[in-house]
Structures are given as structure tokens and as C-alpha cells.
N, C-alpha and C. Protein backbone atom coordinates (compact mmCIF):
# COMPACT_ATOMS: atom_id res chain seq x y z
N MET A 1 -8.78 10.05 28.47
CA MET A 1 -9.71 9.00 28.84
C MET A 1 -9.08 7.66 28.48
N GLU A 2 -8.78 6.87 29.45
CA GLU A 2 -8.13 5.59 29.22
C GLU A 2 -9.13 4.46 29.45
N ALA A 3 -9.38 3.70 28.40
CA ALA A 3 -10.31 2.59 28.51
C ALA A 3 -9.53 1.29 28.68
N ILE A 4 -9.95 0.48 29.60
CA ILE A 4 -9.35 -0.81 29.86
C ILE A 4 -10.24 -1.86 29.22
N SER A 5 -9.63 -2.72 28.40
CA SER A 5 -10.42 -3.72 27.70
C SER A 5 -9.73 -5.07 27.73
N ASP A 6 -10.53 -6.12 27.83
CA ASP A 6 -9.96 -7.45 27.62
C ASP A 6 -9.82 -7.62 26.10
N LEU A 7 -9.19 -8.70 25.67
CA LEU A 7 -8.91 -8.89 24.25
C LEU A 7 -10.19 -8.92 23.41
N ASN A 8 -11.21 -9.62 23.87
CA ASN A 8 -12.46 -9.69 23.10
C ASN A 8 -13.08 -8.32 22.89
N THR A 9 -13.17 -7.54 23.94
CA THR A 9 -13.76 -6.20 23.86
C THR A 9 -12.90 -5.29 22.99
N PHE A 10 -11.60 -5.32 23.20
CA PHE A 10 -10.66 -4.51 22.45
C PHE A 10 -10.82 -4.77 20.95
N ALA A 11 -10.78 -6.04 20.56
CA ALA A 11 -10.89 -6.42 19.16
C ALA A 11 -12.27 -6.08 18.59
N LYS A 12 -13.30 -6.29 19.37
CA LYS A 12 -14.67 -6.02 18.91
C LYS A 12 -14.86 -4.54 18.62
N ILE A 13 -14.38 -3.66 19.49
CA ILE A 13 -14.54 -2.22 19.30
C ILE A 13 -13.78 -1.75 18.07
N LEU A 14 -12.51 -2.17 17.94
CA LEU A 14 -11.72 -1.73 16.79
C LEU A 14 -12.25 -2.30 15.47
N THR A 15 -12.73 -3.52 15.49
CA THR A 15 -13.30 -4.12 14.28
C THR A 15 -14.56 -3.35 13.87
N ALA A 16 -15.38 -2.97 14.82
CA ALA A 16 -16.58 -2.18 14.54
C ALA A 16 -16.24 -0.81 13.95
N LYS A 17 -15.06 -0.30 14.29
CA LYS A 17 -14.62 1.00 13.77
C LYS A 17 -13.98 0.87 12.39
N GLY A 18 -13.95 -0.33 11.84
CA GLY A 18 -13.44 -0.52 10.49
C GLY A 18 -12.03 -1.07 10.40
N TYR A 19 -11.42 -1.34 11.53
CA TYR A 19 -10.08 -1.94 11.53
C TYR A 19 -10.27 -3.46 11.46
N ASP A 20 -10.72 -3.91 10.31
CA ASP A 20 -11.12 -5.30 10.17
C ASP A 20 -10.23 -6.10 9.23
N GLY A 21 -9.09 -5.54 8.87
CA GLY A 21 -8.16 -6.24 7.99
C GLY A 21 -7.22 -7.13 8.77
N TYR A 22 -6.13 -7.47 8.13
CA TYR A 22 -5.12 -8.31 8.75
C TYR A 22 -4.06 -7.46 9.43
N PHE A 23 -3.62 -7.92 10.58
CA PHE A 23 -2.64 -7.22 11.40
C PHE A 23 -1.39 -8.07 11.58
N HIS A 24 -0.32 -7.40 12.00
CA HIS A 24 0.87 -8.04 12.52
C HIS A 24 1.05 -7.52 13.93
N THR A 25 1.29 -8.42 14.87
CA THR A 25 1.59 -8.02 16.24
C THR A 25 3.08 -8.22 16.44
N GLN A 26 3.78 -7.17 16.83
CA GLN A 26 5.23 -7.18 17.03
C GLN A 26 5.96 -7.61 15.75
N GLY A 27 5.43 -7.23 14.58
CA GLY A 27 6.09 -7.51 13.32
C GLY A 27 5.92 -8.94 12.82
N ALA A 28 5.10 -9.73 13.47
CA ALA A 28 4.87 -11.12 13.06
C ALA A 28 3.42 -11.47 13.38
N TYR A 29 3.09 -12.73 13.36
CA TYR A 29 1.77 -13.22 13.75
C TYR A 29 0.65 -12.57 12.94
N ALA A 30 0.68 -12.79 11.65
CA ALA A 30 -0.34 -12.23 10.76
C ALA A 30 -1.70 -12.86 11.01
N GLY A 31 -2.73 -12.03 10.98
CA GLY A 31 -4.09 -12.51 11.15
C GLY A 31 -5.02 -11.36 11.50
N LYS A 32 -6.29 -11.67 11.59
CA LYS A 32 -7.25 -10.67 12.06
C LYS A 32 -6.81 -10.22 13.45
N LEU A 33 -7.28 -9.08 13.89
CA LEU A 33 -6.78 -8.44 15.10
C LEU A 33 -6.71 -9.38 16.31
N LYS A 34 -7.82 -9.98 16.65
CA LYS A 34 -7.85 -10.86 17.83
C LYS A 34 -6.93 -12.07 17.65
N ALA A 35 -6.94 -12.66 16.47
CA ALA A 35 -6.11 -13.84 16.20
C ALA A 35 -4.62 -13.49 16.25
N SER A 36 -4.26 -12.35 15.71
CA SER A 36 -2.86 -11.93 15.70
C SER A 36 -2.32 -11.73 17.12
N ILE A 37 -3.08 -11.00 17.93
CA ILE A 37 -2.66 -10.77 19.32
C ILE A 37 -2.65 -12.07 20.10
N SER A 38 -3.66 -12.89 19.92
CA SER A 38 -3.74 -14.18 20.63
C SER A 38 -2.54 -15.06 20.30
N GLU A 39 -2.18 -15.12 19.03
CA GLU A 39 -1.05 -15.95 18.62
C GLU A 39 0.25 -15.42 19.22
N TYR A 40 0.42 -14.10 19.23
CA TYR A 40 1.61 -13.51 19.85
C TYR A 40 1.68 -13.90 21.33
N LEU A 41 0.58 -13.73 22.04
CA LEU A 41 0.57 -14.04 23.48
C LEU A 41 0.83 -15.53 23.72
N ALA A 42 0.26 -16.38 22.90
CA ALA A 42 0.43 -17.83 23.07
C ALA A 42 1.85 -18.28 22.77
N ASN A 43 2.53 -17.60 21.85
CA ASN A 43 3.88 -18.01 21.46
C ASN A 43 4.99 -17.32 22.23
N SER A 44 4.65 -16.38 23.10
CA SER A 44 5.66 -15.71 23.90
C SER A 44 6.02 -16.57 25.10
N PRO A 45 7.33 -16.73 25.37
CA PRO A 45 7.71 -17.48 26.57
C PRO A 45 7.13 -16.84 27.83
N LYS A 46 6.82 -17.65 28.81
CA LYS A 46 6.25 -17.12 30.06
C LYS A 46 7.12 -16.01 30.63
N GLY A 47 6.48 -14.93 30.99
CA GLY A 47 7.18 -13.82 31.62
C GLY A 47 7.92 -12.91 30.64
N VAL A 48 7.86 -13.18 29.33
CA VAL A 48 8.59 -12.39 28.36
C VAL A 48 7.68 -11.49 27.53
N VAL A 49 6.38 -11.57 27.72
CA VAL A 49 5.43 -10.76 26.95
C VAL A 49 5.72 -9.28 27.21
N LYS A 50 5.86 -8.53 26.12
CA LYS A 50 6.15 -7.10 26.23
C LYS A 50 4.91 -6.36 26.73
N GLN A 51 5.17 -5.28 27.44
CA GLN A 51 4.06 -4.48 27.96
C GLN A 51 3.55 -3.50 26.92
N GLU A 52 4.34 -3.21 25.88
CA GLU A 52 3.83 -2.36 24.80
C GLU A 52 3.88 -3.17 23.51
N LEU A 53 2.71 -3.33 22.92
CA LEU A 53 2.59 -4.08 21.68
C LEU A 53 2.50 -3.11 20.51
N LEU A 54 3.10 -3.49 19.39
CA LEU A 54 2.98 -2.73 18.16
C LEU A 54 2.12 -3.54 17.21
N LEU A 55 1.01 -2.96 16.81
CA LEU A 55 0.08 -3.59 15.87
C LEU A 55 0.14 -2.81 14.57
N THR A 56 0.38 -3.49 13.47
CA THR A 56 0.45 -2.81 12.18
C THR A 56 -0.55 -3.43 11.20
N CYS A 57 -1.05 -2.60 10.31
CA CYS A 57 -1.97 -3.08 9.28
C CYS A 57 -2.01 -2.08 8.13
N PHE A 58 -2.56 -2.52 7.01
CA PHE A 58 -2.83 -1.63 5.90
C PHE A 58 -4.28 -1.18 6.01
N LEU A 59 -4.50 0.11 5.94
CA LEU A 59 -5.86 0.63 5.89
C LEU A 59 -6.34 0.75 4.46
N GLN A 60 -5.38 0.89 3.55
CA GLN A 60 -5.71 1.00 2.14
C GLN A 60 -4.57 0.40 1.34
N TRP A 61 -4.90 -0.51 0.43
CA TRP A 61 -3.91 -1.18 -0.40
C TRP A 61 -4.53 -1.42 -1.77
N ALA A 62 -3.86 -0.96 -2.82
CA ALA A 62 -4.38 -1.15 -4.16
C ALA A 62 -3.37 -1.86 -5.06
N GLY A 63 -2.30 -2.36 -4.50
CA GLY A 63 -1.28 -3.06 -5.26
C GLY A 63 0.10 -2.53 -4.94
N GLU A 64 1.11 -3.31 -5.30
CA GLU A 64 2.49 -2.95 -4.98
C GLU A 64 2.95 -1.66 -5.63
N ASP A 65 2.43 -1.33 -6.81
CA ASP A 65 2.90 -0.18 -7.56
C ASP A 65 2.20 1.13 -7.20
N LEU A 66 1.25 1.08 -6.29
CA LEU A 66 0.46 2.26 -5.95
C LEU A 66 0.68 2.67 -4.49
N PRO A 67 0.38 3.92 -4.17
CA PRO A 67 0.49 4.35 -2.77
C PRO A 67 -0.42 3.52 -1.86
N ARG A 68 -0.05 3.45 -0.60
CA ARG A 68 -0.82 2.68 0.38
C ARG A 68 -0.90 3.48 1.67
N ILE A 69 -1.84 3.11 2.50
CA ILE A 69 -1.97 3.76 3.81
C ILE A 69 -1.78 2.69 4.87
N GLU A 70 -0.79 2.93 5.73
CA GLU A 70 -0.45 2.00 6.79
C GLU A 70 -0.84 2.58 8.15
N CYS A 71 -1.12 1.70 9.07
CA CYS A 71 -1.52 2.11 10.42
C CYS A 71 -0.66 1.36 11.43
N LEU A 72 -0.15 2.08 12.40
CA LEU A 72 0.60 1.48 13.50
C LEU A 72 -0.06 1.90 14.81
N MET A 73 -0.44 0.92 15.58
CA MET A 73 -1.07 1.19 16.88
C MET A 73 -0.11 0.77 17.99
N ARG A 74 0.07 1.64 18.95
CA ARG A 74 0.84 1.31 20.15
C ARG A 74 -0.15 0.99 21.26
N VAL A 75 -0.07 -0.22 21.75
CA VAL A 75 -1.04 -0.72 22.72
C VAL A 75 -0.30 -1.18 23.97
N LYS A 76 -0.73 -0.69 25.11
CA LYS A 76 -0.16 -1.13 26.38
C LYS A 76 -0.91 -2.38 26.82
N TYR A 77 -0.15 -3.38 27.25
CA TYR A 77 -0.74 -4.64 27.70
C TYR A 77 -0.29 -4.90 29.13
N LEU A 78 -1.23 -4.89 30.05
CA LEU A 78 -0.93 -5.11 31.47
C LEU A 78 -1.98 -6.03 32.08
N ASN A 79 -1.52 -7.11 32.67
CA ASN A 79 -2.40 -8.05 33.38
C ASN A 79 -3.63 -8.47 32.57
N GLY A 80 -3.41 -8.79 31.30
CA GLY A 80 -4.50 -9.26 30.47
C GLY A 80 -5.43 -8.19 29.94
N LYS A 81 -5.10 -6.93 30.18
CA LYS A 81 -5.93 -5.81 29.72
C LYS A 81 -5.16 -4.99 28.69
N PHE A 82 -5.91 -4.34 27.79
CA PHE A 82 -5.31 -3.59 26.70
C PHE A 82 -5.71 -2.12 26.78
N PHE A 83 -4.74 -1.24 26.54
CA PHE A 83 -4.93 0.21 26.55
C PHE A 83 -4.35 0.75 25.24
N LEU A 84 -5.13 1.42 24.44
CA LEU A 84 -4.63 2.00 23.20
C LEU A 84 -3.95 3.32 23.54
N ASN A 85 -2.64 3.41 23.25
CA ASN A 85 -1.88 4.63 23.54
C ASN A 85 -1.91 5.63 22.39
N SER A 86 -1.58 5.15 21.19
CA SER A 86 -1.51 6.06 20.05
C SER A 86 -1.72 5.29 18.75
N ILE A 87 -2.06 6.06 17.73
CA ILE A 87 -2.21 5.54 16.37
C ILE A 87 -1.41 6.45 15.45
N GLU A 88 -0.59 5.83 14.61
CA GLU A 88 0.16 6.55 13.59
C GLU A 88 -0.35 6.07 12.24
N VAL A 89 -0.76 7.00 11.40
CA VAL A 89 -1.26 6.67 10.07
C VAL A 89 -0.32 7.33 9.07
N ALA A 90 0.13 6.57 8.08
CA ALA A 90 1.06 7.11 7.10
C ALA A 90 0.66 6.67 5.70
N LYS A 91 0.67 7.63 4.80
CA LYS A 91 0.49 7.33 3.38
C LYS A 91 1.89 7.22 2.81
N LYS A 92 2.17 6.09 2.15
CA LYS A 92 3.50 5.84 1.60
C LYS A 92 3.41 5.55 0.11
N ASP A 93 4.47 5.93 -0.60
CA ASP A 93 4.52 5.62 -2.03
C ASP A 93 4.92 4.17 -2.25
N ARG A 94 5.04 3.77 -3.49
CA ARG A 94 5.34 2.38 -3.82
C ARG A 94 6.68 1.91 -3.28
N TYR A 95 7.56 2.85 -2.93
CA TYR A 95 8.88 2.49 -2.41
C TYR A 95 8.95 2.53 -0.89
N GLY A 96 7.85 2.89 -0.25
CA GLY A 96 7.81 2.96 1.20
C GLY A 96 8.17 4.32 1.78
N GLN A 97 8.35 5.31 0.92
CA GLN A 97 8.66 6.66 1.39
C GLN A 97 7.37 7.33 1.87
N VAL A 98 7.45 7.99 3.01
CA VAL A 98 6.28 8.65 3.59
C VAL A 98 5.90 9.88 2.77
N LEU A 99 4.65 9.91 2.34
CA LEU A 99 4.11 11.06 1.61
C LEU A 99 3.40 12.01 2.57
N LYS A 100 2.68 11.43 3.51
CA LYS A 100 1.96 12.23 4.51
C LYS A 100 1.75 11.34 5.72
N GLN A 101 1.85 11.95 6.90
CA GLN A 101 1.76 11.16 8.13
C GLN A 101 1.01 11.95 9.20
N SER A 102 0.30 11.22 10.05
CA SER A 102 -0.42 11.84 11.16
C SER A 102 -0.35 10.90 12.35
N GLU A 103 -0.22 11.48 13.54
CA GLU A 103 -0.18 10.67 14.75
C GLU A 103 -1.17 11.22 15.76
N LEU A 104 -1.93 10.32 16.35
CA LEU A 104 -2.89 10.68 17.40
C LEU A 104 -2.41 10.05 18.70
N THR A 105 -2.34 10.86 19.74
CA THR A 105 -1.89 10.37 21.05
C THR A 105 -2.99 10.58 22.08
N ASP A 106 -2.76 10.09 23.26
CA ASP A 106 -3.72 10.19 24.36
C ASP A 106 -5.10 9.67 23.95
N LEU A 107 -5.09 8.49 23.36
CA LEU A 107 -6.32 7.86 22.89
C LEU A 107 -6.77 6.77 23.84
N SER A 108 -7.92 6.28 23.57
CA SER A 108 -8.40 5.04 24.16
C SER A 108 -9.06 4.28 23.01
N VAL A 109 -9.37 3.05 23.23
CA VAL A 109 -10.02 2.27 22.18
C VAL A 109 -11.37 2.88 21.83
N VAL A 110 -11.99 3.53 22.77
CA VAL A 110 -13.30 4.17 22.56
C VAL A 110 -13.17 5.47 21.76
N THR A 111 -12.13 6.25 22.01
CA THR A 111 -11.96 7.55 21.34
C THR A 111 -11.18 7.46 20.04
N ALA A 112 -10.68 6.29 19.68
CA ALA A 112 -9.93 6.12 18.44
C ALA A 112 -10.82 6.46 17.25
N PRO A 113 -10.24 7.06 16.21
CA PRO A 113 -11.06 7.37 15.04
C PRO A 113 -11.45 6.09 14.29
N LYS A 114 -12.51 6.19 13.53
CA LYS A 114 -12.87 5.09 12.64
C LYS A 114 -11.79 4.98 11.57
N ALA A 115 -11.67 3.82 10.97
CA ALA A 115 -10.64 3.60 9.95
C ALA A 115 -10.78 4.61 8.81
N LYS A 116 -12.00 4.91 8.38
CA LYS A 116 -12.22 5.87 7.30
C LYS A 116 -11.73 7.26 7.69
N GLU A 117 -11.91 7.64 8.95
CA GLU A 117 -11.43 8.94 9.43
C GLU A 117 -9.90 8.97 9.45
N ALA A 118 -9.29 7.86 9.84
CA ALA A 118 -7.83 7.77 9.85
C ALA A 118 -7.28 7.89 8.43
N ILE A 119 -7.94 7.25 7.48
CA ILE A 119 -7.52 7.34 6.07
C ILE A 119 -7.63 8.78 5.59
N ALA A 120 -8.70 9.46 5.95
CA ALA A 120 -8.92 10.85 5.54
C ALA A 120 -7.84 11.79 6.07
N MET A 121 -7.25 11.46 7.22
CA MET A 121 -6.22 12.32 7.81
C MET A 121 -4.98 12.42 6.92
N VAL A 122 -4.72 11.41 6.10
CA VAL A 122 -3.52 11.42 5.26
C VAL A 122 -3.82 11.43 3.76
N SER A 123 -5.09 11.52 3.41
CA SER A 123 -5.48 11.56 2.00
C SER A 123 -5.65 13.00 1.55
N ASP A 124 -5.39 13.24 0.29
CA ASP A 124 -5.59 14.57 -0.28
C ASP A 124 -7.09 14.79 -0.51
N ALA A 125 -7.52 16.04 -0.48
CA ALA A 125 -8.94 16.36 -0.68
C ALA A 125 -9.40 15.90 -2.06
N LEU A 126 -8.59 16.12 -3.09
CA LEU A 126 -8.96 15.71 -4.44
C LEU A 126 -9.09 14.19 -4.52
N GLU A 127 -8.18 13.49 -3.88
CA GLU A 127 -8.21 12.03 -3.86
C GLU A 127 -9.47 11.53 -3.18
N GLN A 128 -9.87 12.17 -2.07
CA GLN A 128 -11.06 11.76 -1.35
C GLN A 128 -12.30 11.93 -2.23
N LYS A 129 -12.39 13.02 -2.99
CA LYS A 129 -13.53 13.24 -3.88
C LYS A 129 -13.57 12.18 -4.97
N THR A 130 -12.41 11.83 -5.53
CA THR A 130 -12.34 10.83 -6.58
C THR A 130 -12.79 9.47 -6.06
N VAL A 131 -12.32 9.09 -4.89
CA VAL A 131 -12.71 7.82 -4.29
C VAL A 131 -14.21 7.82 -4.02
N HIS A 132 -14.73 8.94 -3.50
CA HIS A 132 -16.16 9.05 -3.21
C HIS A 132 -16.97 8.88 -4.50
N ARG A 133 -16.54 9.54 -5.57
CA ARG A 133 -17.26 9.43 -6.84
C ARG A 133 -17.22 8.00 -7.36
N GLN A 134 -16.07 7.35 -7.26
CA GLN A 134 -15.96 5.98 -7.73
C GLN A 134 -16.92 5.07 -6.96
N LYS A 135 -17.03 5.25 -5.68
CA LYS A 135 -17.94 4.43 -4.89
C LYS A 135 -19.38 4.73 -5.25
N ARG A 136 -19.66 6.01 -5.45
CA ARG A 136 -21.01 6.43 -5.72
C ARG A 136 -21.52 5.93 -7.07
N PHE A 137 -20.63 5.89 -8.06
CA PHE A 137 -21.05 5.52 -9.40
C PHE A 137 -20.60 4.14 -9.81
N SER A 138 -20.09 3.33 -8.90
CA SER A 138 -19.66 2.00 -9.27
C SER A 138 -20.88 1.09 -9.47
N PHE A 139 -20.74 0.16 -10.37
CA PHE A 139 -21.84 -0.74 -10.70
C PHE A 139 -21.51 -2.15 -10.30
């Protein structure tokens, strides 16, 4: 199922799914999802905009010395419309080495998992229980 979205719709759907942090588009242009993509498009020379965009973000970050969860989205961009191709989620240690990784293909912006579901794909069961308990009993 391939969903075609303009930038506003694309960003609104993903933000509602919990992808509300800061992104990099094509390895630069840091900002919230819509702002990052907009800045990339505005700064690309006419006719040079790539048809496949790479969007990266952290889904979970607790500091430089701790493991983190990164997300890479491959997005097709054609005639002002966006198509989500795939999402790669990776849990990495403090040195950037992959501890666990998962990739989802044949997606659309509508069928993409929520950010919490993406995090769960690479988190250990024990870790998920600990995080749940911390949230439940935090004051």
C-alpha cells in the first residue's frame, strides 16, 4: 500500500506516530521533520533534488555513554509528493556498534509503526519491562 503525501500531510502523520524529534535530511539540515525536509529542498540547486531522501533521527537517547536507538527512513520524493519506502531501526552502543537492528520494507506513511513500536523491535524484553516500571512509578 503506497500512500502519496504532500510535505504537510507526511510530517503530520509521522509526528502523530511519535516521530517528533529532530531529524537530519541527507545527513544535514537539522530540525523537526517538516523543517528539516523544507530546508533541504530550499537549499538544493534547481533540478538537483534527489528522488530518494534519507531521514535520520534518534528514537531514544540517554547520553553519549549509553546505548541509543537510531532510525533511518528512506523516502521517495517525486513531483512534490513523498512516499515512505522503508524504515531501519538500530540499537547501537556508545561506540556506534550495532547491537540489534530491524528493517521494515514495503511501507507507506500510513502503515509505518509508531515510534514506540519501532523502539520495541530492537529493545530487549527485560529492558522494556524496566522502562515500563520506571514510567509507571516515576514521580
